[in-house]
C-alpha atoms as a PDB file:
ATOM      1  CA  UNK A   1      13.335-190.496   3.039  1.00  0.00           C
ATOM      2  CA  UNK A   2      16.285-188.678   4.567  1.00  0.00           C
ATOM      3  CA  UNK A   3      19.954-189.125   3.731  1.00  0.00           C
ATOM      4  CA  UNK A   4      22.992-188.487   5.931  1.00  0.00           C
ATOM      5  CA  UNK A   5      26.077-188.408   3.727  1.00  0.00           C
ATOM      6  CA  UNK A   6      29.680-188.592   4.906  1.00  0.00           C
ATOM      7  CA  UNK A   7      32.035-187.461   2.171  1.00  0.00           C
ATOM      8  CA  UNK A   8      35.583-188.657   2.836  1.00  0.00           C
ATOM      9  CA  UNK A   9      38.299-186.994   0.785  1.00  0.00           C
ATOM     10  CA  UNK A  10      40.901-189.421  -0.551  1.00  0.00           C
ATOM     11  CA  UNK A  11      39.623-192.840   0.547  1.00  0.00           C
ATOM     12  CA  UNK A  12      39.921-195.803  -1.788  1.00  0.00           C
ATOM     13  CA  UNK A  13      39.610-199.562  -1.484  1.00  0.00           C
ATOM     14  CA  UNK A  14      43.145-200.880  -0.988  1.00  0.00           C
ATOM     15  CA  UNK A  15      45.059-204.062  -0.323  1.00  0.00           C
ATOM     16  CA  UNK A  16      44.566-206.077   2.862  1.00  0.00           C
ATOM     17  CA  UNK A  17      48.031-205.070   4.104  1.00  0.00           C
ATOM     18  CA  UNK A  18      48.245-203.446   7.549  1.00  0.00           C
ATOM     19  CA  UNK A  19      51.775-202.268   6.733  1.00  0.00           C
ATOM     20  CA  UNK A  20      50.492-199.801   4.101  1.00  0.00           C
ATOM     21  CA  UNK A  21      46.700-199.664   4.543  1.00  0.00           C
ATOM     22  CA  UNK A  22      45.636-198.004   7.812  1.00  0.00           C
ATOM     23  CA  UNK A  23      42.110-199.401   7.511  1.00  0.00           C
ATOM     24  CA  UNK A  24      43.606-202.777   8.398  1.00  0.00           C
ATOM     25  CA  UNK A  25      45.908-201.299  11.053  1.00  0.00           C
ATOM     26  CA  UNK A  26      43.148-199.384  12.876  1.00  0.00           C
ATOM     27  CA  UNK A  27      40.394-201.200  14.828  1.00  0.00           C
ATOM     28  CA  UNK A  28      37.542-199.732  12.694  1.00  0.00           C
ATOM     29  CA  UNK A  29      35.037-201.318  15.078  1.00  0.00           C
ATOM     30  CA  UNK A  30      32.018-199.352  13.870  1.00  0.00           C
ATOM     31  CA  UNK A  31      32.682-199.833  10.171  1.00  0.00           C
ATOM     32  CA  UNK A  32      33.348-203.538  10.680  1.00  0.00           C
ATOM     33  CA  UNK A  33      30.076-203.895  12.581  1.00  0.00           C
ATOM     34  CA  UNK A  34      28.171-203.134   9.389  1.00  0.00           C
ATOM     35  CA  UNK A  35      29.574-206.191   7.621  1.00  0.00           C
ATOM     36  CA  UNK A  36      30.043-208.829  10.311  1.00  0.00           C
ATOM     37  CA  UNK A  37      33.647-207.850  11.024  1.00  0.00           C
ATOM     38  CA  UNK A  38      34.739-207.492   7.409  1.00  0.00           C
ATOM     39  CA  UNK A  39      36.358-204.578   5.567  1.00  0.00           C
ATOM     40  CA  UNK A  40      36.581-204.109   1.795  1.00  0.00           C
ATOM     41  CA  UNK A  41      39.860-204.805   0.022  1.00  0.00           C
ATOM     42  CA  UNK A  42      41.094-205.200  -3.525  1.00  0.00           C
ATOM     43  CA  UNK A  43      40.440-208.916  -3.076  1.00  0.00           C
ATOM     44  CA  UNK A  44      36.852-208.321  -1.924  1.00  0.00           C
ATOM     45  CA  UNK A  45      35.598-205.025  -3.262  1.00  0.00           C
ATOM     46  CA  UNK A  46      31.909-205.477  -2.470  1.00  0.00           C
ATOM     47  CA  UNK A  47      30.354-206.419   0.866  1.00  0.00           C
ATOM     48  CA  UNK A  48      26.780-207.273   1.737  1.00  0.00           C
ATOM     49  CA  UNK A  49      24.865-207.822   4.979  1.00  0.00           C
ATOM     50  CA  UNK A  50      21.172-207.625   5.919  1.00  0.00           C
ATOM     51  CA  UNK A  51      21.589-204.048   7.146  1.00  0.00           C
ATOM     52  CA  UNK A  52      24.253-202.590   4.819  1.00  0.00           C
ATOM     53  CA  UNK A  53      25.739-202.685   1.333  1.00  0.00           C
ATOM     54  CA  UNK A  54      29.195-201.690   0.098  1.00  0.00           C
ATOM     55  CA  UNK A  55      29.991-201.486  -3.606  1.00  0.00           C
ATOM     56  CA  UNK A  56      33.000-200.005  -5.436  1.00  0.00           C
ATOM     57  CA  UNK A  57      32.812-196.839  -7.542  1.00  0.00           C
ATOM     58  CA  UNK A  58      35.201-196.047 -10.374  1.00  0.00           C
ATOM     59  CA  UNK A  59      36.940-192.717  -9.653  1.00  0.00           C
ATOM     60  CA  UNK A  60      38.945-192.825 -12.901  1.00  0.00           C
ATOM     61  CA  UNK A  61      35.859-191.733 -14.851  1.00  0.00           C
ATOM     62  CA  UNK A  62      37.220-193.142 -18.126  1.00  0.00           C
ATOM     63  CA  UNK A  63      39.994-190.529 -18.233  1.00  0.00           C
ATOM     64  CA  UNK A  64      43.724-191.293 -18.116  1.00  0.00           C
ATOM     65  CA  UNK A  65      45.815-190.067 -15.186  1.00  0.00           C
ATOM     66  CA  UNK A  66      45.413-189.918 -11.427  1.00  0.00           C
ATOM     67  CA  UNK A  67      41.957-188.895 -10.177  1.00  0.00           C
ATOM     68  CA  UNK A  68      41.809-185.499  -8.472  1.00  0.00           C
ATOM     69  CA  UNK A  69      39.405-183.745  -6.119  1.00  0.00           C
ATOM     70  CA  UNK A  70      38.128-180.960  -8.380  1.00  0.00           C
ATOM     71  CA  UNK A  71      36.897-183.192 -11.166  1.00  0.00           C
ATOM     72  CA  UNK A  72      36.031-186.150  -8.929  1.00  0.00           C
ATOM     73  CA  UNK A  73      33.881-184.080  -6.596  1.00  0.00           C
ATOM     74  CA  UNK A  74      32.187-182.460  -9.588  1.00  0.00           C
ATOM     75  CA  UNK A  75      31.213-185.943 -10.779  1.00  0.00           C
ATOM     76  CA  UNK A  76      30.094-186.984  -7.317  1.00  0.00           C
ATOM     77  CA  UNK A  77      28.018-183.928  -6.413  1.00  0.00           C
ATOM     78  CA  UNK A  78      26.541-183.053  -9.828  1.00  0.00           C
ATOM     79  CA  UNK A  79      26.292-186.350 -11.706  1.00  0.00           C
ATOM     80  CA  UNK A  80      28.338-184.779 -14.533  1.00  0.00           C
ATOM     81  CA  UNK A  81      31.667-186.349 -15.487  1.00  0.00           C
ATOM     82  CA  UNK A  82      33.937-183.445 -14.617  1.00  0.00           C
ATOM     83  CA  UNK A  83      37.097-185.141 -15.853  1.00  0.00           C
ATOM     84  CA  UNK A  84      35.544-185.879 -19.257  1.00  0.00           C
ATOM     85  CA  UNK A  85      34.253-182.309 -19.592  1.00  0.00           C
ATOM     86  CA  UNK A  86      37.628-180.829 -18.639  1.00  0.00           C
ATOM     87  CA  UNK A  87      39.534-183.395 -20.688  1.00  0.00           C
ATOM     88  CA  UNK A  88      41.692-184.345 -17.710  1.00  0.00           C
ATOM     89  CA  UNK A  89      41.683-184.904 -13.993  1.00  0.00           C
ATOM     90  CA  UNK A  90      42.099-181.613 -12.145  1.00  0.00           C
ATOM     91  CA  UNK A  91      42.260-180.449  -8.538  1.00  0.00           C
ATOM     92  CA  UNK A  92      42.099-179.713  -5.710  1.00  0.00           C
ATOM     93  CA  UNK A  93      39.725-176.934  -6.819  1.00  0.00           C
ATOM     94  CA  UNK A  94      37.335-177.298  -9.740  1.00  0.00           C
ATOM     95  CA  UNK A  95      38.503-176.537 -13.270  1.00  0.00           C
ATOM     96  CA  UNK A  96      37.303-173.126 -14.499  1.00  0.00           C
ATOM     97  CA  UNK A  97      34.979-174.546 -17.167  1.00  0.00           C
ATOM     98  CA  UNK A  98      33.307-176.748 -14.538  1.00  0.00           C
ATOM     99  CA  UNK A  99      32.221-173.915 -12.253  1.00  0.00           C
ATOM    100  CA  UNK A 100      29.027-173.120 -14.231  1.00  0.00           C
ATOM    101  CA  UNK A 101      28.181-176.837 -14.212  1.00  0.00           C
ATOM    102  CA  UNK A 102      28.645-176.979 -10.446  1.00  0.00           C
ATOM    103  CA  UNK A 103      26.551-173.860  -9.856  1.00  0.00           C
ATOM    104  CA  UNK A 104      23.669-175.141 -11.968  1.00  0.00           C
ATOM    105  CA  UNK A 105      23.681-178.901 -11.304  1.00  0.00           C
ATOM    106  CA  UNK A 106      24.962-179.434  -7.759  1.00  0.00           C
ATOM    107  CA  UNK A 107      22.993-181.634  -5.395  1.00  0.00           C
ATOM    108  CA  UNK A 108      22.087-178.744  -3.066  1.00  0.00           C
ATOM    109  CA  UNK A 109      20.503-176.657  -5.824  1.00  0.00           C
ATOM    110  CA  UNK A 110      18.672-179.651  -7.258  1.00  0.00           C
ATOM    111  CA  UNK A 111      17.253-180.531  -3.864  1.00  0.00           C
ATOM    112  CA  UNK A 112      16.099-176.950  -3.309  1.00  0.00           C
ATOM    113  CA  UNK A 113      14.441-176.978  -6.733  1.00  0.00           C
ATOM    114  CA  UNK A 114      12.628-180.155  -5.629  1.00  0.00           C
ATOM    115  CA  UNK A 115      11.495-178.318  -2.464  1.00  0.00           C
ATOM    116  CA  UNK A 116      13.692-180.399  -0.190  1.00  0.00           C
ATOM    117  CA  UNK A 117      15.863-179.183   2.696  1.00  0.00           C
ATOM    118  CA  UNK A 118      19.607-179.783   2.281  1.00  0.00           C
ATOM    119  CA  UNK A 119      22.218-178.926   4.908  1.00  0.00           C
ATOM    120  CA  UNK A 120      26.022-178.707   4.906  1.00  0.00           C
ATOM    121  CA  UNK A 121      27.029-179.714   8.435  1.00  0.00           C
ATOM    122  CA  UNK A 122      30.618-178.385   8.482  1.00  0.00           C
ATOM    123  CA  UNK A 123      31.223-175.224  10.516  1.00  0.00           C
ATOM    124  CA  UNK A 124      33.681-172.589   9.247  1.00  0.00           C
ATOM    125  CA  UNK A 125      35.761-169.981  11.131  1.00  0.00           C
ATOM    126  CA  UNK A 126      35.448-166.267  10.379  1.00  0.00           C
ATOM    127  CA  UNK A 127      38.692-166.280   8.410  1.00  0.00           C
ATOM    128  CA  UNK A 128      36.967-168.426   5.794  1.00  0.00           C
ATOM    129  CA  UNK A 129      34.170-165.881   5.355  1.00  0.00           C
ATOM    130  CA  UNK A 130      36.794-163.127   5.094  1.00  0.00           C
ATOM    131  CA  UNK A 131      38.475-165.183   2.375  1.00  0.00           C
ATOM    132  CA  UNK A 132      35.183-165.385   0.479  1.00  0.00           C
ATOM    133  CA  UNK A 133      35.251-161.599   0.101  1.00  0.00           C
ATOM    134  CA  UNK A 134      38.568-161.677  -1.753  1.00  0.00           C
ATOM    135  CA  UNK A 135      38.225-161.263  -5.532  1.00  0.00           C
ATOM    136  CA  UNK A 136      40.319-164.302  -6.397  1.00  0.00           C
ATOM    137  CA  UNK A 137      39.115-166.716  -3.744  1.00  0.00           C
ATOM    138  CA  UNK A 138      39.028-170.351  -4.843  1.00  0.00           C
ATOM    139  CA  UNK A 139      36.362-172.628  -3.450  1.00  0.00           C
ATOM    140  CA  UNK A 140      36.079-176.380  -3.284  1.00  0.00           C
ATOM    141  CA  UNK A 141      33.204-178.105  -5.053  1.00  0.00           C
ATOM    142  CA  UNK A 142      31.208-178.410  -1.836  1.00  0.00           C
ATOM    143  CA  UNK A 143      31.570-174.789  -0.724  1.00  0.00           C
ATOM    144  CA  UNK A 144      30.973-173.485  -4.255  1.00  0.00           C
ATOM    145  CA  UNK A 145      27.842-175.630  -4.412  1.00  0.00           C
ATOM    146  CA  UNK A 146      26.499-174.222  -1.159  1.00  0.00           C
ATOM    147  CA  UNK A 147      27.317-170.575  -1.754  1.00  0.00           C
ATOM    148  CA  UNK A 148      25.907-170.611  -5.284  1.00  0.00           C
ATOM    149  CA  UNK A 149      22.722-172.341  -4.115  1.00  0.00           C
ATOM    150  CA  UNK A 150      22.265-169.965  -1.192  1.00  0.00           C
ATOM    151  CA  UNK A 151      22.778-172.644   1.450  1.00  0.00           C
ATOM    152  CA  UNK A 152      23.901-170.879   4.659  1.00  0.00           C
ATOM    153  CA  UNK A 153      27.176-172.159   6.089  1.00  0.00           C
ATOM    154  CA  UNK A 154      27.575-172.808   9.789  1.00  0.00           C
ATOM    155  CA  UNK A 155      29.852-170.449  11.720  1.00  0.00           C
ATOM    156  CA  UNK A 156      31.732-170.567  15.015  1.00  0.00           C
ATOM    157  CA  UNK A 157      28.607-169.619  16.969  1.00  0.00           C
ATOM    158  CA  UNK A 158      26.738-172.550  15.443  1.00  0.00           C
ATOM    159  CA  UNK A 159      29.526-174.926  16.362  1.00  0.00           C
ATOM    160  CA  UNK A 160      29.604-173.621  19.928  1.00  0.00           C
ATOM    161  CA  UNK A 161      25.834-174.079  20.161  1.00  0.00           C
ATOM    162  CA  UNK A 162      26.040-177.675  18.984  1.00  0.00           C
ATOM    163  CA  UNK A 163      24.453-177.095  15.572  1.00  0.00           C
ATOM    164  CA  UNK A 164      27.463-177.599  13.304  1.00  0.00           C
ATOM    165  CA  UNK A 165      30.328-180.083  13.238  1.00  0.00           C
ATOM    166  CA  UNK A 166      34.029-179.278  13.012  1.00  0.00           C
ATOM    167  CA  UNK A 167      35.923-180.463   9.940  1.00  0.00           C
ATOM    168  CA  UNK A 168      38.308-182.319  12.268  1.00  0.00           C
ATOM    169  CA  UNK A 169      35.277-183.919  14.007  1.00  0.00           C
ATOM    170  CA  UNK A 170      36.240-183.059  17.612  1.00  0.00           C
ATOM    171  CA  UNK A 171      36.801-179.309  17.233  1.00  0.00           C
ATOM    172  CA  UNK A 172      40.318-179.416  18.703  1.00  0.00           C
ATOM    173  CA  UNK A 173      41.707-177.615  15.655  1.00  0.00           C
ATOM    174  CA  UNK A 174      39.677-174.481  16.387  1.00  0.00           C
ATOM    175  CA  UNK A 175      42.012-173.526  19.219  1.00  0.00           C
ATOM    176  CA  UNK A 176      44.719-172.756  16.661  1.00  0.00           C
ATOM    177  CA  UNK A 177      42.229-170.764  14.547  1.00  0.00           C
ATOM    178  CA  UNK A 178      41.743-168.097  17.204  1.00  0.00           C
ATOM    179  CA  UNK A 179      39.020-169.796  19.253  1.00  0.00           C
ATOM    180  CA  UNK A 180      40.775-170.896  22.462  1.00  0.00           C
ATOM    181  CA  UNK A 181      37.466-171.319  24.303  1.00  0.00           C
ATOM    182  CA  UNK A 182      35.816-173.550  21.716  1.00  0.00           C
ATOM    183  CA  UNK A 183      34.701-176.709  23.463  1.00  0.00           C
ATOM    184  CA  UNK A 184      35.785-180.032  22.041  1.00  0.00           C
ATOM    185  CA  UNK A 185      33.474-183.030  21.681  1.00  0.00           C
ATOM    186  CA  UNK A 186      34.006-186.743  21.351  1.00  0.00           C
ATOM    187  CA  UNK A 187      33.737-188.257  17.868  1.00  0.00           C
ATOM    188  CA  UNK A 188      30.595-190.072  19.004  1.00  0.00           C
ATOM    189  CA  UNK A 189      28.959-186.800  20.035  1.00  0.00           C
ATOM    190  CA  UNK A 190      29.868-185.311  16.640  1.00  0.00           C
ATOM    191  CA  UNK A 191      28.064-188.243  15.044  1.00  0.00           C
ATOM    192  CA  UNK A 192      25.020-187.647  17.202  1.00  0.00           C
ATOM    193  CA  UNK A 193      25.018-183.983  16.124  1.00  0.00           C
ATOM    194  CA  UNK A 194      24.851-185.078  12.503  1.00  0.00           C
ATOM    195  CA  UNK A 195      21.903-187.312  13.273  1.00  0.00           C
ATOM    196  CA  UNK A 196      20.116-184.456  15.013  1.00  0.00           C
ATOM    197  CA  UNK A 197      20.500-182.348  11.874  1.00  0.00           C
ATOM    198  CA  UNK A 198      18.553-184.964   9.916  1.00  0.00           C
ATOM    199  CA  UNK A 199      15.530-184.221  12.099  1.00  0.00           C
ATOM    200  CA  UNK A 200      15.091-180.888  10.302  1.00  0.00           C
ATOM    201  CA  UNK A 201      16.666-181.640   6.915  1.00  0.00           C
ATOM    202  CA  UNK A 202      16.118-184.125   4.099  1.00  0.00           C
ATOM    203  CA  UNK A 203      19.824-184.249   3.203  1.00  0.00           C
ATOM    204  CA  UNK A 204      22.793-183.634   5.489  1.00  0.00           C
ATOM    205  CA  UNK A 205      26.383-183.636   4.197  1.00  0.00           C
ATOM    206  CA  UNK A 206      29.545-183.765   6.288  1.00  0.00           C
ATOM    207  CA  UNK A 207      32.936-183.433   4.594  1.00  0.00           C
ATOM    208  CA  UNK A 208      36.063-184.978   6.149  1.00  0.00           C
ATOM    209  CA  UNK A 209      39.247-183.849   4.391  1.00  0.00           C
ATOM    210  CA  UNK A 210      41.765-185.110   6.948  1.00  0.00           C
ATOM    211  CA  UNK A 211      41.797-188.536   5.286  1.00  0.00           C
ATOM    212  CA  UNK A 212      43.350-187.065   2.147  1.00  0.00           C
ATOM    213  CA  UNK A 213      45.895-185.064   4.144  1.00  0.00           C
ATOM    214  CA  UNK A 214      46.898-188.157   6.092  1.00  0.00           C
ATOM    215  CA  UNK A 215      47.381-190.077   2.873  1.00  0.00           C
ATOM    216  CA  UNK A 216      49.738-187.444   1.501  1.00  0.00           C
ATOM    217  CA  UNK A 217      51.658-187.371   4.810  1.00  0.00           C
ATOM    218  CA  UNK A 218      52.359-191.129   4.507  1.00  0.00           C
ATOM    219  CA  UNK A 219      52.499-191.562   8.308  1.00  0.00           C
ATOM    220  CA  UNK A 220      50.717-194.618   9.673  1.00  0.00           C
ATOM    221  CA  UNK A 221      50.214-193.176  13.158  1.00  0.00           C
ATOM    222  CA  UNK A 222      48.546-190.060  11.769  1.00  0.00           C
ATOM    223  CA  UNK A 223      46.394-192.082   9.392  1.00  0.00           C
ATOM    224  CA  UNK A 224      45.215-194.416  12.143  1.00  0.00           C
ATOM    225  CA  UNK A 225      44.358-191.431  14.353  1.00  0.00           C
ATOM    226  CA  UNK A 226      42.330-189.862  11.553  1.00  0.00           C
ATOM    227  CA  UNK A 227      40.445-193.110  10.960  1.00  0.00           C
ATOM    228  CA  UNK A 228      39.869-193.642  14.692  1.00  0.00           C
ATOM    229  CA  UNK A 229      38.068-190.276  14.857  1.00  0.00           C
ATOM    230  CA  UNK A 230      36.020-191.151  11.797  1.00  0.00           C
ATOM    231  CA  UNK A 231      35.058-194.549  13.165  1.00  0.00           C
ATOM    232  CA  UNK A 232      34.082-192.995  16.497  1.00  0.00           C
ATOM    233  CA  UNK A 233      31.813-190.572  14.668  1.00  0.00           C
ATOM    234  CA  UNK A 234      30.311-193.479  12.755  1.00  0.00           C
ATOM    235  CA  UNK A 235      29.624-195.211  16.068  1.00  0.00           C
ATOM    236  CA  UNK A 236      27.652-192.208  17.306  1.00  0.00           C
ATOM    237  CA  UNK A 237      25.631-192.236  14.089  1.00  0.00           C
ATOM    238  CA  UNK A 238      24.864-195.944  14.216  1.00  0.00           C
ATOM    239  CA  UNK A 239      23.704-195.738  17.829  1.00  0.00           C
ATOM    240  CA  UNK A 240      21.185-192.940  17.210  1.00  0.00           C
ATOM    241  CA  UNK A 241      20.134-192.803  13.544  1.00  0.00           C
ATOM    242  CA  UNK A 242      16.519-193.706  12.795  1.00  0.00           C
ATOM    243  CA  UNK A 243      16.876-196.495  10.242  1.00  0.00           C
ATOM    244  CA  UNK A 244      13.129-196.453   9.557  1.00  0.00           C
ATOM    245  CA  UNK A 245      13.382-193.055   7.857  1.00  0.00           C
ATOM    246  CA  UNK A 246      17.059-192.426   7.078  1.00  0.00           C
ATOM    247  CA  UNK A 247      19.861-193.892   4.998  1.00  0.00           C
ATOM    248  CA  UNK A 248      23.543-193.319   5.755  1.00  0.00           C
ATOM    249  CA  UNK A 249      25.770-192.920   2.701  1.00  0.00           C
ATOM    250  CA  UNK A 250      29.580-192.836   2.870  1.00  0.00           C
ATOM    251  CA  UNK A 251      31.808-192.354  -0.170  1.00  0.00           C
ATOM    252  CA  UNK A 252      34.856-190.547  -1.551  1.00  0.00           C
ATOM    253  CA  UNK A 253      36.231-188.798  -4.633  1.00  0.00           C
ATOM    254  CA  UNK A 254      39.466-190.737  -5.194  1.00  0.00           C
ATOM    255  CA  UNK A 255      41.886-193.067  -3.460  1.00  0.00           C
ATOM    256  CA  UNK A 256      44.855-192.015  -1.313  1.00  0.00           C
ATOM    257  CA  UNK A 257      44.946-192.978   2.369  1.00  0.00           C
ATOM    258  CA  UNK A 258      44.488-196.686   1.632  1.00  0.00           C
ATOM    259  CA  UNK A 259      48.067-196.895   0.293  1.00  0.00           C
ATOM    260  CA  UNK A 260      50.619-195.074   2.433  1.00  0.00           C
ATOM    261  CA  UNK A 261      53.508-196.440   0.376  1.00  0.00           C
ATOM    262  CA  UNK A 262      52.898-193.671  -2.189  1.00  0.00           C
ATOM    263  CA  UNK A 263      52.450-189.926  -1.667  1.00  0.00           C
ATOM    264  CA  UNK A 264      50.068-189.449  -4.579  1.00  0.00           C
ATOM    265  CA  UNK A 265      46.449-190.310  -5.163  1.00  0.00           C
ATOM    266  CA  UNK A 266      45.675-193.795  -6.435  1.00  0.00           C
ATOM    267  CA  UNK A 267      43.586-195.290  -9.230  1.00  0.00           C
ATOM    268  CA  UNK A 268      41.817-197.592  -6.795  1.00  0.00           C
ATOM    269  CA  UNK A 269      38.024-197.744  -6.693  1.00  0.00           C
ATOM    270  CA  UNK A 270      36.356-195.863  -3.859  1.00  0.00           C
ATOM    271  CA  UNK A 271      33.763-197.401  -1.517  1.00  0.00           C
ATOM    272  CA  UNK A 272      30.096-196.556  -1.520  1.00  0.00           C
ATOM    273  CA  UNK A 273      28.832-197.603   1.911  1.00  0.00           C
ATOM    274  CA  UNK A 274      25.064-197.671   2.435  1.00  0.00           C
ATOM    275  CA  UNK A 275      23.281-198.388   5.720  1.00  0.00           C
ATOM    276  CA  UNK A 276      19.637-198.094   6.656  1.00  0.00           C
ATOM    277  CA  UNK A 277      16.347-198.027   4.870  1.00  0.00           C
ATOM    278  CA  UNK A 278      16.665-198.761   1.146  1.00  0.00           C
ATOM    279  CA  UNK A 279      20.393-199.541   1.128  1.00  0.00           C
ATOM    280  CA  UNK A 280      20.069-202.500  -1.238  1.00  0.00           C
ATOM    281  CA  UNK A 281      17.697-200.736  -3.613  1.00  0.00           C
ATOM    282  CA  UNK A 282      19.944-197.671  -3.727  1.00  0.00           C
ATOM    283  CA  UNK A 283      22.968-199.839  -4.546  1.00  0.00           C
ATOM    284  CA  UNK A 284      21.019-201.534  -7.324  1.00  0.00           C
ATOM    285  CA  UNK A 285      20.046-198.124  -8.744  1.00  0.00           C
ATOM    286  CA  UNK A 286      23.678-197.017  -8.727  1.00  0.00           C
ATOM    287  CA  UNK A 287      24.918-200.217 -10.337  1.00  0.00           C
ATOM    288  CA  UNK A 288      22.153-200.065 -12.952  1.00  0.00           C
ATOM    289  CA  UNK A 289      22.794-203.620 -14.210  1.00  0.00           C
ATOM    290  CA  UNK A 290      26.423-202.797 -15.037  1.00  0.00           C
ATOM    291  CA  UNK A 291      28.998-205.562 -14.747  1.00  0.00           C
ATOM    292  CA  UNK A 292      31.687-202.944 -14.052  1.00  0.00           C
ATOM    293  CA  UNK A 293      32.108-200.601 -11.128  1.00  0.00           C
ATOM    294  CA  UNK A 294      29.861-197.571 -11.788  1.00  0.00           C
ATOM    295  CA  UNK A 295      31.347-194.105 -12.029  1.00  0.00           C
ATOM    296  CA  UNK A 296      31.069-191.465  -9.305  1.00  0.00           C
ATOM    297  CA  UNK A 297      28.473-189.799 -11.519  1.00  0.00           C
ATOM    298  CA  UNK A 298      25.863-192.403 -10.516  1.00  0.00           C
ATOM    299  CA  UNK A 299      25.496-191.142  -6.928  1.00  0.00           C
ATOM    300  CA  UNK A 300      23.669-187.811  -7.291  1.00  0.00           C
ATOM    301  CA  UNK A 301      20.954-189.091  -9.694  1.00  0.00           C
ATOM    302  CA  UNK A 302      20.236-191.977  -7.311  1.00  0.00           C
ATOM    303  CA  UNK A 303      20.156-189.584  -4.350  1.00  0.00           C
ATOM    304  CA  UNK A 304      17.617-187.388  -6.097  1.00  0.00           C
ATOM    305  CA  UNK A 305      15.413-190.390  -6.881  1.00  0.00           C
ATOM    306  CA  UNK A 306      15.600-191.604  -3.290  1.00  0.00           C
ATOM    307  CA  UNK A 307      14.863-188.296  -1.576  1.00  0.00           C
ATOM    308  CA  UNK A 308      12.064-187.423  -4.008  1.00  0.00           C
ATOM    309  CA  UNK A 309      10.454-190.784  -3.268  1.00  0.00           C
ATOM    310  CA  UNK A 310      10.963-192.130  -6.789  1.00  0.00           C
ATOM    311  CA  UNK A 311      13.048-195.114  -5.676  1.00  0.00           C
ATOM    312  CA  UNK A 312      11.233-198.056  -4.123  1.00  0.00           C
ATOM    313  CA  UNK A 313      12.427-198.896  -0.610  1.00  0.00           C
ATOM    314  CA  UNK A 314      11.320-201.789   1.612  1.00  0.00           C
ATOM    315  CA  UNK A 315       9.228-201.607   4.738  1.00  0.00           C
ATOM    316  CA  UNK A 316      11.149-200.437   7.851  1.00  0.00           C
ATOM    317  CA  UNK A 317      10.814-203.863   9.480  1.00  0.00           C
ATOM    318  CA  UNK A 318      13.499-205.200   7.118  1.00  0.00           C
ATOM    319  CA  UNK A 319      16.189-202.934   8.574  1.00  0.00           C
ATOM    320  CA  UNK A 320      17.744-203.293  12.008  1.00  0.00           C
ATOM    321  CA  UNK A 321      19.872-200.854  13.991  1.00  0.00           C
ATOM    322  CA  UNK A 322      23.532-201.703  14.527  1.00  0.00           C
ATOM    323  CA  UNK A 323      24.804-202.101  18.063  1.00  0.00           C
ATOM    324  CA  UNK A 324      28.457-201.073  18.269  1.00  0.00           C
ATOM    325  CA  UNK A 325      30.555-202.767  20.916  1.00  0.00           C
END
């Protein structure tokens, strides 16, 4: 089994109100195609179809206050409740006492220990690597996970060669980073690049932070543009991913963009979208017979079981590829 994971910063399940929730203002053609035209909302938090499953995850983690990226991503990528360990929600970078937990228990290190091949698909400019050399550099959970596990990060040359994917999906933002000749790609081509990475890796992660930024900006036009790029990337994935060997997983660390009437994060549940081989079985493993929405901490243990072959999945004939129109 292979897993392609899209991590979306700041995406919750919100109200079915196009005036404040850009998911219902944007077309979202690819995402809707997974669930027969439907999108999740606070009135319908779970969605099911023959080819995909969407269930809510609790980003509050049993801790009072607004969920934040540092503790939420720790929970998501290690299986350890970062907010409970720290005693509060904290972000955007991980709390100091959580850094040893992240270094030892992150999904990349655990996959390497299991002799699997993880990959972080995002490409970084040289200024980021210069920043790493500074004594007081602060890393996100994902970059700390990779650097501590020895996972090489893609650079500008990798992006130019079509091996990595830009954090803004198309690569247009690299022109302002000192790379005026960096070619841009369509969102669909970025999605196809991610699929190609799964040919050589058991686990591929792409991180999209623009959703959280758009939520804080509180501008509907910007939010719709950000979601349009994401949905275009999803379309490229759905058109090319081998559903007989691979599962697509999409989730987030906390809510934000789904309610543009507030500048802060939200307490809303976040979606766990699963498409491809074993989607129903994976959802059942995450839910683990709980009547409540499971915490973010349930994702990494289920991922390890799936990729190690310890989670039963059905025969490939039960999964069909989505055609996006």
